Amino acid sequence: FNNETGVTQAEVIERVYRKPQPNLFLSSLVPFLAQHIDHPAIEALVIEEFRRFLQRNIRNYNRQDLPVNFVGGITKSFAKQLQKAVELEGMVLGKTIQKPIEKMAEYFMA
């Protein structure tokens, strides 16, 4: 990771916990994850973090009868891992839309 990105462990800690907008920094690391998604440890990490998101943000609604839909590039970039996480949580994956603005434009133009 360090060799390819030039980012050290100390820099990660600094940028995530002490600097503003850690979300922007973390999103800048997504290309590394996408490039190495076939590595078992990276794929497991992505699946586990999707599962944590589902447990923390979706499960509390207690609506296993409804599909879970997602918007954004991350869910499209890691569609296979998202599908696996949703299945492991006993949920059903609905739609994933990379760029919601296009769907909104379609809706209002119809």
PDB file of N, CA and C in Angstrom:
ATOM      1  N   PHE A   1       0.836  -1.193   0.000  1.00  0.00           N
ATOM      2  CA  PHE A   1       0.000   0.000   0.000  1.00  0.00           C
ATOM      3  C   PHE A   1       0.876   1.250   0.000  1.00  0.00           C
ATOM      4  N   ASN A   2       1.843   1.280   0.917  1.00  0.00           N
ATOM      5  CA  ASN A   2       2.731   2.440   1.029  1.00  0.00           C
ATOM      6  C   ASN A   2       3.514   2.670  -0.253  1.00  0.00           C
ATOM      7  N   ASN A   3       4.041   1.600  -0.846  1.00  0.00           N
ATOM      8  CA  ASN A   3       4.832   1.735  -2.074  1.00  0.00           C
ATOM      9  C   ASN A   3       4.007   2.280  -3.227  1.00  0.00           C
ATOM     10  N   GLU A   4       2.761   1.838  -3.337  1.00  0.00           N
ATOM     11  CA  GLU A   4       1.930   2.267  -4.468  1.00  0.00           C
ATOM     12  C   GLU A   4       1.293   3.636  -4.268  1.00  0.00           C
ATOM     13  N   THR A   5       0.909   3.949  -3.044  1.00  0.00           N
ATOM     14  CA  THR A   5       0.189   5.204  -2.809  1.00  0.00           C
ATOM     15  C   THR A   5       1.073   6.308  -2.239  1.00  0.00           C
ATOM     16  N   GLY A   6       2.178   5.905  -1.613  1.00  0.00           N
ATOM     17  CA  GLY A   6       3.034   6.881  -0.946  1.00  0.00           C
ATOM     18  C   GLY A   6       2.469   7.358   0.373  1.00  0.00           C
ATOM     19  N   VAL A   7       1.395   6.728   0.826  1.00  0.00           N
ATOM     20  CA  VAL A   7       0.734   7.111   2.066  1.00  0.00           C
ATOM     21  C   VAL A   7       1.226   6.199   3.183  1.00  0.00           C
ATOM     22  N   THR A   8       1.657   6.808   4.267  1.00  0.00           N
ATOM     23  CA  THR A   8       2.138   6.035   5.415  1.00  0.00           C
ATOM     24  C   THR A   8       1.010   5.838   6.429  1.00  0.00           C
ATOM     25  N   GLN A   9       1.231   4.929   7.353  1.00  0.00           N
ATOM     26  CA  GLN A   9       0.250   4.693   8.419  1.00  0.00           C
ATOM     27  C   GLN A   9       0.055   5.967   9.245  1.00  0.00           C
ATOM     28  N   ALA A  10       1.145   6.655   9.523  1.00  0.00           N
ATOM     29  CA  ALA A  10       1.053   7.904  10.295  1.00  0.00           C
ATOM     30  C   ALA A  10       0.223   8.948   9.554  1.00  0.00           C
ATOM     31  N   GLU A  11       0.383   9.011   8.231  1.00  0.00           N
ATOM     32  CA  GLU A  11      -0.390   9.979   7.451  1.00  0.00           C
ATOM     33  C   GLU A  11      -1.873   9.624   7.461  1.00  0.00           C
ATOM     34  N   VAL A  12      -2.190   8.346   7.388  1.00  0.00           N
ATOM     35  CA  VAL A  12      -3.593   7.934   7.448  1.00  0.00           C
ATOM     36  C   VAL A  12      -4.205   8.404   8.759  1.00  0.00           C
ATOM     37  N   ILE A  13      -3.532   8.151   9.846  1.00  0.00           N
ATOM     38  CA  ILE A  13      -4.043   8.564  11.163  1.00  0.00           C
ATOM     39  C   ILE A  13      -4.202  10.080  11.228  1.00  0.00           C
ATOM     40  N   GLU A  14      -3.212  10.794  10.759  1.00  0.00           N
ATOM     41  CA  GLU A  14      -3.261  12.262  10.753  1.00  0.00           C
ATOM     42  C   GLU A  14      -4.437  12.772   9.925  1.00  0.00           C
ATOM     43  N   ARG A  15      -4.587  12.249   8.716  1.00  0.00           N
ATOM     44  CA  ARG A  15      -5.613  12.747   7.797  1.00  0.00           C
ATOM     45  C   ARG A  15      -7.026  12.345   8.210  1.00  0.00           C
ATOM     46  N   VAL A  16      -7.149  11.192   8.860  1.00  0.00           N
ATOM     47  CA  VAL A  16      -8.484  10.729   9.250  1.00  0.00           C
ATOM     48  C   VAL A  16      -8.938  11.358  10.565  1.00  0.00           C
ATOM     49  N   TYR A  17      -8.024  11.483  11.523  1.00  0.00           N
ATOM     50  CA  TYR A  17      -8.425  11.912  12.866  1.00  0.00           C
ATOM     51  C   TYR A  17      -8.103  13.360  13.209  1.00  0.00           C
ATOM     52  N   ARG A  18      -7.227  13.991  12.451  1.00  0.00           N
ATOM     53  CA  ARG A  18      -6.811  15.341  12.856  1.00  0.00           C
ATOM     54  C   ARG A  18      -7.010  16.422  11.798  1.00  0.00           C
ATOM     55  N   LYS A  19      -7.260  16.039  10.585  1.00  0.00           N
ATOM     56  CA  LYS A  19      -7.421  17.010   9.505  1.00  0.00           C
ATOM     57  C   LYS A  19      -8.896  17.098   9.106  1.00  0.00           C
ATOM     58  N   PRO A  20      -9.283  18.218   8.507  1.00  0.00           N
ATOM     59  CA  PRO A  20     -10.679  18.339   8.050  1.00  0.00           C
ATOM     60  C   PRO A  20     -10.937  17.444   6.832  1.00  0.00           C
ATOM     61  N   GLN A  21     -12.165  17.104   6.639  1.00  0.00           N
ATOM     62  CA  GLN A  21     -12.654  16.337   5.495  1.00  0.00           C
ATOM     63  C   GLN A  21     -11.953  14.991   5.306  1.00  0.00           C
ATOM     64  N   PRO A  22     -11.972  14.147   6.332  1.00  0.00           N
ATOM     65  CA  PRO A  22     -11.348  12.830   6.186  1.00  0.00           C
ATOM     66  C   PRO A  22     -12.034  11.979   5.113  1.00  0.00           C
ATOM     67  N   ASN A  23     -13.310  12.251   4.866  1.00  0.00           N
ATOM     68  CA  ASN A  23     -14.027  11.502   3.836  1.00  0.00           C
ATOM     69  C   ASN A  23     -13.391  11.682   2.459  1.00  0.00           C
ATOM     70  N   LEU A  24     -12.912  12.880   2.167  1.00  0.00           N
ATOM     71  CA  LEU A  24     -12.265  13.114   0.875  1.00  0.00           C
ATOM     72  C   LEU A  24     -10.948  12.353   0.770  1.00  0.00           C
ATOM     73  N   PHE A  25     -10.198  12.349   1.857  1.00  0.00           N
ATOM     74  CA  PHE A  25      -8.951  11.592   1.868  1.00  0.00           C
ATOM     75  C   PHE A  25      -9.224  10.107   1.665  1.00  0.00           C
ATOM     76  N   LEU A  26     -10.172   9.573   2.433  1.00  0.00           N
ATOM     77  CA  LEU A  26     -10.474   8.150   2.327  1.00  0.00           C
ATOM     78  C   LEU A  26     -10.982   7.780   0.936  1.00  0.00           C
ATOM     79  N   SER A  27     -11.786   8.634   0.338  1.00  0.00           N
ATOM     80  CA  SER A  27     -12.280   8.333  -1.010  1.00  0.00           C
ATOM     81  C   SER A  27     -11.152   8.343  -2.037  1.00  0.00           C
ATOM     82  N   SER A  28     -10.072   9.052  -1.740  1.00  0.00           N
ATOM     83  CA  SER A  28      -8.938   9.058  -2.669  1.00  0.00           C
ATOM     84  C   SER A  28      -8.210   7.715  -2.676  1.00  0.00           C
ATOM     85  N   LEU A  29      -8.483   6.869  -1.701  1.00  0.00           N
ATOM     86  CA  LEU A  29      -7.852   5.556  -1.618  1.00  0.00           C
ATOM     87  C   LEU A  29      -8.655   4.466  -2.332  1.00  0.00           C
ATOM     88  N   VAL A  30      -9.847   4.792  -2.788  1.00  0.00           N
ATOM     89  CA  VAL A  30     -10.701   3.813  -3.454  1.00  0.00           C
ATOM     90  C   VAL A  30     -10.045   3.223  -4.696  1.00  0.00           C
ATOM     91  N   PRO A  31      -9.364   3.998  -5.532  1.00  0.00           N
ATOM     92  CA  PRO A  31      -8.721   3.371  -6.698  1.00  0.00           C
ATOM     93  C   PRO A  31      -7.747   2.256  -6.322  1.00  0.00           C
ATOM     94  N   PHE A  32      -7.036   2.405  -5.215  1.00  0.00           N
ATOM     95  CA  PHE A  32      -6.140   1.344  -4.763  1.00  0.00           C
ATOM     96  C   PHE A  32      -6.940   0.087  -4.437  1.00  0.00           C
ATOM     97  N   LEU A  33      -8.038   0.254  -3.698  1.00  0.00           N
ATOM     98  CA  LEU A  33      -8.878  -0.893  -3.362  1.00  0.00           C
ATOM     99  C   LEU A  33      -9.434  -1.562  -4.616  1.00  0.00           C
ATOM    100  N   ALA A  34      -9.917  -0.756  -5.539  1.00  0.00           N
ATOM    101  CA  ALA A  34     -10.489  -1.301  -6.772  1.00  0.00           C
ATOM    102  C   ALA A  34      -9.435  -2.058  -7.585  1.00  0.00           C
ATOM    103  N   GLN A  35      -8.249  -1.530  -7.628  1.00  0.00           N
ATOM    104  CA  GLN A  35      -7.170  -2.162  -8.394  1.00  0.00           C
ATOM    105  C   GLN A  35      -6.772  -3.504  -7.784  1.00  0.00           C
ATOM    106  N   HIS A  36      -6.912  -3.640  -6.473  1.00  0.00           N
ATOM    107  CA  HIS A  36      -6.459  -4.841  -5.779  1.00  0.00           C
ATOM    108  C   HIS A  36      -7.611  -5.656  -5.185  1.00  0.00           C
ATOM    109  N   ILE A  37      -8.821  -5.482  -5.716  1.00  0.00           N
ATOM    110  CA  ILE A  37      -9.989  -6.146  -5.139  1.00  0.00           C
ATOM    111  C   ILE A  37      -9.899  -7.662  -5.234  1.00  0.00           C
ATOM    112  N   ASP A  38      -9.081  -8.191  -6.121  1.00  0.00           N
ATOM    113  CA  ASP A  38      -8.930  -9.643  -6.237  1.00  0.00           C
ATOM    114  C   ASP A  38      -8.070 -10.236  -5.132  1.00  0.00           C
ATOM    115  N   HIS A  39      -7.392  -9.388  -4.373  1.00  0.00           N
ATOM    116  CA  HIS A  39      -6.610  -9.886  -3.236  1.00  0.00           C
ATOM    117  C   HIS A  39      -7.607 -10.274  -2.135  1.00  0.00           C
ATOM    118  N   PRO A  40      -7.506 -11.506  -1.614  1.00  0.00           N
ATOM    119  CA  PRO A  40      -8.496 -11.969  -0.630  1.00  0.00           C
ATOM    120  C   PRO A  40      -8.669 -11.048   0.578  1.00  0.00           C
ATOM    121  N   ALA A  41      -7.593 -10.474   1.089  1.00  0.00           N
ATOM    122  CA  ALA A  41      -7.709  -9.601   2.266  1.00  0.00           C
ATOM    123  C   ALA A  41      -8.457  -8.313   1.941  1.00  0.00           C
ATOM    124  N   ILE A  42      -8.223  -7.775   0.773  1.00  0.00           N
ATOM    125  CA  ILE A  42      -8.902  -6.528   0.393  1.00  0.00           C
ATOM    126  C   ILE A  42     -10.373  -6.793   0.107  1.00  0.00           C
ATOM    127  N   GLU A  43     -10.656  -7.881  -0.597  1.00  0.00           N
ATOM    128  CA  GLU A  43     -12.056  -8.197  -0.852  1.00  0.00           C
ATOM    129  C   GLU A  43     -12.798  -8.451   0.460  1.00  0.00           C
ATOM    130  N   ALA A  44     -12.174  -9.181   1.380  1.00  0.00           N
ATOM    131  CA  ALA A  44     -12.796  -9.442   2.680  1.00  0.00           C
ATOM    132  C   ALA A  44     -13.042  -8.148   3.440  1.00  0.00           C
ATOM    133  N   LEU A  45     -12.098  -7.213   3.372  1.00  0.00           N
ATOM    134  CA  LEU A  45     -12.260  -5.914   4.037  1.00  0.00           C
ATOM    135  C   LEU A  45     -13.465  -5.166   3.477  1.00  0.00           C
ATOM    136  N   VAL A  46     -13.581  -5.120   2.161  1.00  0.00           N
ATOM    137  CA  VAL A  46     -14.683  -4.395   1.528  1.00  0.00           C
ATOM    138  C   VAL A  46     -16.021  -5.037   1.894  1.00  0.00           C
ATOM    139  N   ILE A  47     -16.097  -6.362   1.829  1.00  0.00           N
ATOM    140  CA  ILE A  47     -17.339  -7.052   2.191  1.00  0.00           C
ATOM    141  C   ILE A  47     -17.686  -6.783   3.648  1.00  0.00           C
ATOM    142  N   GLU A  48     -16.708  -6.884   4.526  1.00  0.00           N
ATOM    143  CA  GLU A  48     -16.960  -6.665   5.955  1.00  0.00           C
ATOM    144  C   GLU A  48     -17.442  -5.238   6.234  1.00  0.00           C
ATOM    145  N   GLU A  49     -16.874  -4.259   5.566  1.00  0.00           N
ATOM    146  CA  GLU A  49     -17.303  -2.870   5.794  1.00  0.00           C
ATOM    147  C   GLU A  49     -18.701  -2.617   5.242  1.00  0.00           C
ATOM    148  N   PHE A  50     -19.044  -3.247   4.117  1.00  0.00           N
ATOM    149  CA  PHE A  50     -20.429  -3.157   3.639  1.00  0.00           C
ATOM    150  C   PHE A  50     -21.369  -3.786   4.666  1.00  0.00           C
ATOM    151  N   ARG A  51     -20.974  -4.924   5.221  1.00  0.00           N
ATOM    152  CA  ARG A  51     -21.812  -5.580   6.232  1.00  0.00           C
ATOM    153  C   ARG A  51     -21.991  -4.689   7.454  1.00  0.00           C
ATOM    154  N   ARG A  52     -20.920  -4.056   7.899  1.00  0.00           N
ATOM    155  CA  ARG A  52     -21.021  -3.152   9.047  1.00  0.00           C
ATOM    156  C   ARG A  52     -21.979  -2.003   8.748  1.00  0.00           C
ATOM    157  N   PHE A  53     -21.909  -1.466   7.531  1.00  0.00           N
ATOM    158  CA  PHE A  53     -22.824  -0.403   7.133  1.00  0.00           C
ATOM    159  C   PHE A  53     -24.268  -0.899   7.207  1.00  0.00           C
ATOM    160  N   LEU A  54     -24.528  -2.075   6.655  1.00  0.00           N
ATOM    161  CA  LEU A  54     -25.877  -2.634   6.655  1.00  0.00           C
ATOM    162  C   LEU A  54     -26.381  -2.873   8.077  1.00  0.00           C
ATOM    163  N   GLN A  55     -25.529  -3.410   8.919  1.00  0.00           N
ATOM    164  CA  GLN A  55     -25.920  -3.682  10.306  1.00  0.00           C
ATOM    165  C   GLN A  55     -26.228  -2.391  11.065  1.00  0.00           C
ATOM    166  N   ARG A  56     -25.399  -1.389  10.852  1.00  0.00           N
ATOM    167  CA  ARG A  56     -25.531  -0.133  11.599  1.00  0.00           C
ATOM    168  C   ARG A  56     -26.663   0.750  11.061  1.00  0.00           C
ATOM    169  N   ASN A  57     -26.862   0.755   9.739  1.00  0.00           N
ATOM    170  CA  ASN A  57     -27.763   1.735   9.147  1.00  0.00           C
ATOM    171  C   ASN A  57     -29.052   1.185   8.549  1.00  0.00           C
ATOM    172  N   ILE A  58     -29.104  -0.083   8.250  1.00  0.00           N
ATOM    173  CA  ILE A  58     -30.283  -0.633   7.584  1.00  0.00           C
ATOM    174  C   ILE A  58     -31.047  -1.608   8.471  1.00  0.00           C
ATOM    175  N   ARG A  59     -30.353  -2.472   9.154  1.00  0.00           N
ATOM    176  CA  ARG A  59     -30.998  -3.542   9.935  1.00  0.00           C
ATOM    177  C   ARG A  59     -32.025  -2.997  10.923  1.00  0.00           C
ATOM    178  N   ASN A  60     -31.774  -1.852  11.527  1.00  0.00           N
ATOM    179  CA  ASN A  60     -32.680  -1.304  12.549  1.00  0.00           C
ATOM    180  C   ASN A  60     -34.080  -0.993  12.027  1.00  0.00           C
ATOM    181  N   TYR A  61     -34.226  -0.881  10.715  1.00  0.00           N
ATOM    182  CA  TYR A  61     -35.551  -0.614  10.160  1.00  0.00           C
ATOM    183  C   TYR A  61     -36.436  -1.861  10.168  1.00  0.00           C
ATOM    184  N   ASN A  62     -35.826  -3.038  10.352  1.00  0.00           N
ATOM    185  CA  ASN A  62     -36.577  -4.293  10.443  1.00  0.00           C
ATOM    186  C   ASN A  62     -37.496  -4.507   9.248  1.00  0.00           C
ATOM    187  N   ARG A  63     -36.991  -4.284   8.058  1.00  0.00           N
ATOM    188  CA  ARG A  63     -37.813  -4.432   6.846  1.00  0.00           C
ATOM    189  C   ARG A  63     -37.109  -5.353   5.840  1.00  0.00           C
ATOM    190  N   GLN A  64     -36.895  -6.610   6.243  1.00  0.00           N
ATOM    191  CA  GLN A  64     -36.279  -7.582   5.352  1.00  0.00           C
ATOM    192  C   GLN A  64     -37.140  -7.848   4.120  1.00  0.00           C
ATOM    193  N   ASP A  65     -38.402  -7.415   4.150  1.00  0.00           N
ATOM    194  CA  ASP A  65     -39.296  -7.611   3.012  1.00  0.00           C
ATOM    195  C   ASP A  65     -39.003  -6.626   1.880  1.00  0.00           C
ATOM    196  N   LEU A  66     -38.209  -5.596   2.155  1.00  0.00           N
ATOM    197  CA  LEU A  66     -37.901  -4.587   1.144  1.00  0.00           C
ATOM    198  C   LEU A  66     -36.467  -4.741   0.632  1.00  0.00           C
ATOM    199  N   PRO A  67     -36.248  -4.524  -0.668  1.00  0.00           N
ATOM    200  CA  PRO A  67     -34.873  -4.552  -1.170  1.00  0.00           C
ATOM    201  C   PRO A  67     -34.120  -3.312  -0.704  1.00  0.00           C
ATOM    202  N   VAL A  68     -32.809  -3.442  -0.632  1.00  0.00           N
ATOM    203  CA  VAL A  68     -31.950  -2.333  -0.230  1.00  0.00           C
ATOM    204  C   VAL A  68     -31.335  -1.760  -1.502  1.00  0.00           C
ATOM    205  N   ASN A  69     -31.541  -0.463  -1.737  1.00  0.00           N
ATOM    206  CA  ASN A  69     -31.032   0.212  -2.924  1.00  0.00           C
ATOM    207  C   ASN A  69     -29.866   1.118  -2.553  1.00  0.00           C
ATOM    208  N   PHE A  70     -28.949   1.330  -3.503  1.00  0.00           N
ATOM    209  CA  PHE A  70     -27.770   2.146  -3.243  1.00  0.00           C
ATOM    210  C   PHE A  70     -27.516   3.105  -4.397  1.00  0.00           C
ATOM    211  N   VAL A  71     -26.925   4.240  -4.046  1.00  0.00           N
ATOM    212  CA  VAL A  71     -26.577   5.262  -5.020  1.00  0.00           C
ATOM    213  C   VAL A  71     -25.110   5.612  -4.845  1.00  0.00           C
ATOM    214  N   GLY A  72     -24.399   5.748  -5.960  1.00  0.00           N
ATOM    215  CA  GLY A  72     -23.027   6.225  -5.906  1.00  0.00           C
ATOM    216  C   GLY A  72     -22.030   5.292  -6.560  1.00  0.00           C
ATOM    217  N   GLY A  73     -20.886   5.851  -6.841  1.00  0.00           N
ATOM    218  CA  GLY A  73     -19.841   5.123  -7.549  1.00  0.00           C
ATOM    219  C   GLY A  73     -19.271   3.951  -6.778  1.00  0.00           C
ATOM    220  N   ILE A  74     -19.195   4.063  -5.460  1.00  0.00           N
ATOM    221  CA  ILE A  74     -18.627   2.983  -4.656  1.00  0.00           C
ATOM    222  C   ILE A  74     -19.452   1.715  -4.812  1.00  0.00           C
ATOM    223  N   THR A  75     -20.758   1.846  -4.760  1.00  0.00           N
ATOM    224  CA  THR A  75     -21.603   0.661  -4.852  1.00  0.00           C
ATOM    225  C   THR A  75     -21.544   0.033  -6.235  1.00  0.00           C
ATOM    226  N   LYS A  76     -21.292   0.825  -7.252  1.00  0.00           N
ATOM    227  CA  LYS A  76     -21.124   0.279  -8.598  1.00  0.00           C
ATOM    228  C   LYS A  76     -19.742  -0.339  -8.755  1.00  0.00           C
ATOM    229  N   SER A  77     -18.717   0.318  -8.232  1.00  0.00           N
ATOM    230  CA  SER A  77     -17.348  -0.187  -8.358  1.00  0.00           C
ATOM    231  C   SER A  77     -17.153  -1.516  -7.655  1.00  0.00           C
ATOM    232  N   PHE A  78     -17.888  -1.726  -6.571  1.00  0.00           N
ATOM    233  CA  PHE A  78     -17.738  -2.934  -5.764  1.00  0.00           C
ATOM    234  C   PHE A  78     -19.061  -3.703  -5.716  1.00  0.00           C
ATOM    235  N   ALA A  79     -19.729  -3.799  -6.846  1.00  0.00           N
ATOM    236  CA  ALA A  79     -21.054  -4.417  -6.913  1.00  0.00           C
ATOM    237  C   ALA A  79     -21.041  -5.869  -6.437  1.00  0.00           C
ATOM    238  N   LYS A  80     -20.046  -6.626  -6.839  1.00  0.00           N
ATOM    239  CA  LYS A  80     -19.972  -8.046  -6.445  1.00  0.00           C
ATOM    240  C   LYS A  80     -19.834  -8.184  -4.930  1.00  0.00           C
ATOM    241  N   GLN A  81     -19.009  -7.352  -4.332  1.00  0.00           N
ATOM    242  CA  GLN A  81     -18.791  -7.403  -2.890  1.00  0.00           C
ATOM    243  C   GLN A  81     -20.030  -6.903  -2.135  1.00  0.00           C
ATOM    244  N   LEU A  82     -20.687  -5.902  -2.676  1.00  0.00           N
ATOM    245  CA  LEU A  82     -21.918  -5.411  -2.066  1.00  0.00           C
ATOM    246  C   LEU A  82     -22.991  -6.496  -2.091  1.00  0.00           C
ATOM    247  N   GLN A  83     -23.138  -7.158  -3.229  1.00  0.00           N
ATOM    248  CA  GLN A  83     -24.111  -8.247  -3.350  1.00  0.00           C
ATOM    249  C   GLN A  83     -23.840  -9.325  -2.301  1.00  0.00           C
ATOM    250  N   LYS A  84     -22.589  -9.695  -2.140  1.00  0.00           N
ATOM    251  CA  LYS A  84     -22.212 -10.721  -1.163  1.00  0.00           C
ATOM    252  C   LYS A  84     -22.568 -10.266   0.255  1.00  0.00           C
ATOM    253  N   ALA A  85     -22.243  -9.018   0.592  1.00  0.00           N
ATOM    254  CA  ALA A  85     -22.537  -8.490   1.930  1.00  0.00           C
ATOM    255  C   ALA A  85     -24.036  -8.477   2.202  1.00  0.00           C
ATOM    256  N   VAL A  86     -24.810  -8.050   1.228  1.00  0.00           N
ATOM    257  CA  VAL A  86     -26.267  -7.994   1.381  1.00  0.00           C
ATOM    258  C   VAL A  86     -26.815  -9.402   1.613  1.00  0.00           C
ATOM    259  N   GLU A  87     -26.333 -10.359   0.835  1.00  0.00           N
ATOM    260  CA  GLU A  87     -26.776 -11.750   1.002  1.00  0.00           C
ATOM    261  C   GLU A  87     -26.400 -12.286   2.379  1.00  0.00           C
ATOM    262  N   LEU A  88     -25.162 -12.027   2.811  1.00  0.00           N
ATOM    263  CA  LEU A  88     -24.723 -12.509   4.120  1.00  0.00           C
ATOM    264  C   LEU A  88     -25.556 -11.923   5.255  1.00  0.00           C
ATOM    265  N   GLU A  89     -26.108 -10.746   5.047  1.00  0.00           N
ATOM    266  CA  GLU A  89     -26.960 -10.109   6.055  1.00  0.00           C
ATOM    267  C   GLU A  89     -28.427 -10.510   5.916  1.00  0.00           C
ATOM    268  N   GLY A  90     -28.712 -11.407   4.985  1.00  0.00           N
ATOM    269  CA  GLY A  90     -30.085 -11.884   4.821  1.00  0.00           C
ATOM    270  C   GLY A  90     -31.004 -10.861   4.190  1.00  0.00           C
ATOM    271  N   MET A  91     -30.445  -9.960   3.422  1.00  0.00           N
ATOM    272  CA  MET A  91     -31.218  -8.910   2.770  1.00  0.00           C
ATOM    273  C   MET A  91     -31.226  -9.147   1.267  1.00  0.00           C
ATOM    274  N   VAL A  92     -32.022  -8.349   0.561  1.00  0.00           N
ATOM    275  CA  VAL A  92     -32.111  -8.444  -0.894  1.00  0.00           C
ATOM    276  C   VAL A  92     -31.624  -7.128  -1.489  1.00  0.00           C
ATOM    277  N   LEU A  93     -30.689  -7.238  -2.433  1.00  0.00           N
ATOM    278  CA  LEU A  93     -30.170  -6.047  -3.104  1.00  0.00           C
ATOM    279  C   LEU A  93     -31.153  -5.601  -4.171  1.00  0.00           C
ATOM    280  N   GLY A  94     -31.511  -4.334  -4.122  1.00  0.00           N
ATOM    281  CA  GLY A  94     -32.385  -3.749  -5.131  1.00  0.00           C
ATOM    282  C   GLY A  94     -31.541  -3.122  -6.232  1.00  0.00           C
ATOM    283  N   LYS A  95     -31.780  -1.869  -6.503  1.00  0.00           N
ATOM    284  CA  LYS A  95     -31.071  -1.162  -7.565  1.00  0.00           C
ATOM    285  C   LYS A  95     -29.791  -0.526  -7.034  1.00  0.00           C
ATOM    286  N   THR A  96     -28.792  -0.460  -7.902  1.00  0.00           N
ATOM    287  CA  THR A  96     -27.609   0.352  -7.628  1.00  0.00           C
ATOM    288  C   THR A  96     -27.487   1.327  -8.788  1.00  0.00           C
ATOM    289  N   ILE A  97     -27.433   2.599  -8.460  1.00  0.00           N
ATOM    290  CA  ILE A  97     -27.368   3.647  -9.480  1.00  0.00           C
ATOM    291  C   ILE A  97     -26.097   4.445  -9.254  1.00  0.00           C
ATOM    292  N   GLN A  98     -25.239   4.477 -10.270  1.00  0.00           N
ATOM    293  CA  GLN A  98     -23.967   5.167 -10.112  1.00  0.00           C
ATOM    294  C   GLN A  98     -24.143   6.680 -10.073  1.00  0.00           C
ATOM    295  N   LYS A  99     -24.923   7.212 -10.999  1.00  0.00           N
ATOM    296  CA  LYS A  99     -25.109   8.662 -11.076  1.00  0.00           C
ATOM    297  C   LYS A  99     -26.595   8.980 -10.992  1.00  0.00           C
ATOM    298  N   PRO A 100     -27.076   9.316  -9.808  1.00  0.00           N
ATOM    299  CA  PRO A 100     -28.518   9.522  -9.632  1.00  0.00           C
ATOM    300  C   PRO A 100     -29.067  10.693 -10.436  1.00  0.00           C
ATOM    301  N   ILE A 101     -28.239  11.645 -10.762  1.00  0.00           N
ATOM    302  CA  ILE A 101     -28.727  12.812 -11.504  1.00  0.00           C
ATOM    303  C   ILE A 101     -29.302  12.412 -12.858  1.00  0.00           C
ATOM    304  N   GLU A 102     -28.723  11.390 -13.477  1.00  0.00           N
ATOM    305  CA  GLU A 102     -29.228  10.922 -14.770  1.00  0.00           C
ATOM    306  C   GLU A 102     -30.637  10.353 -14.630  1.00  0.00           C
ATOM    307  N   LYS A 103     -30.868   9.567 -13.578  1.00  0.00           N
ATOM    308  CA  LYS A 103     -32.198   8.999 -13.346  1.00  0.00           C
ATOM    309  C   LYS A 103     -33.192  10.090 -12.996  1.00  0.00           C
ATOM    310  N   MET A 104     -32.761  11.089 -12.250  1.00  0.00           N
ATOM    311  CA  MET A 104     -33.650  12.198 -11.918  1.00  0.00           C
ATOM    312  C   MET A 104     -34.037  12.954 -13.184  1.00  0.00           C
ATOM    313  N   ALA A 105     -33.094  13.195 -14.062  1.00  0.00           N
ATOM    314  CA  ALA A 105     -33.376  13.892 -15.310  1.00  0.00           C
ATOM    315  C   ALA A 105     -34.360  13.094 -16.145  1.00  0.00           C
ATOM    316  N   GLU A 106     -34.165  11.784 -16.221  1.00  0.00           N
ATOM    317  CA  GLU A 106     -35.097  10.925 -16.962  1.00  0.00           C
ATOM    318  C   GLU A 106     -36.497  11.054 -16.395  1.00  0.00           C
ATOM    319  N   TYR A 107     -36.617  11.030 -15.086  1.00  0.00           N
ATOM    320  CA  TYR A 107     -37.913  11.102 -14.419  1.00  0.00           C
ATOM    321  C   TYR A 107     -38.623  12.412 -14.741  1.00  0.00           C
ATOM    322  N   PHE A 108     -37.899  13.529 -14.654  1.00  0.00           N
ATOM    323  CA  PHE A 108     -38.539  14.832 -14.859  1.00  0.00           C
ATOM    324  C   PHE A 108     -38.744  15.163 -16.327  1.00  0.00           C
ATOM    325  N   MET A 109     -38.016  14.502 -17.213  1.00  0.00           N
ATOM    326  CA  MET A 109     -38.184  14.754 -18.646  1.00  0.00           C
ATOM    327  C   MET A 109     -39.323  13.916 -19.215  1.00  0.00           C
ATOM    328  N   ALA A 110     -39.753  12.898 -18.496  1.00  0.00           N
ATOM    329  CA  ALA A 110     -40.819  11.997 -19.011  1.00  0.00           C
ATOM    330  C   ALA A 110     -42.183  12.636 -18.918  1.00  0.00           C
TER     331      ALA A 110
END
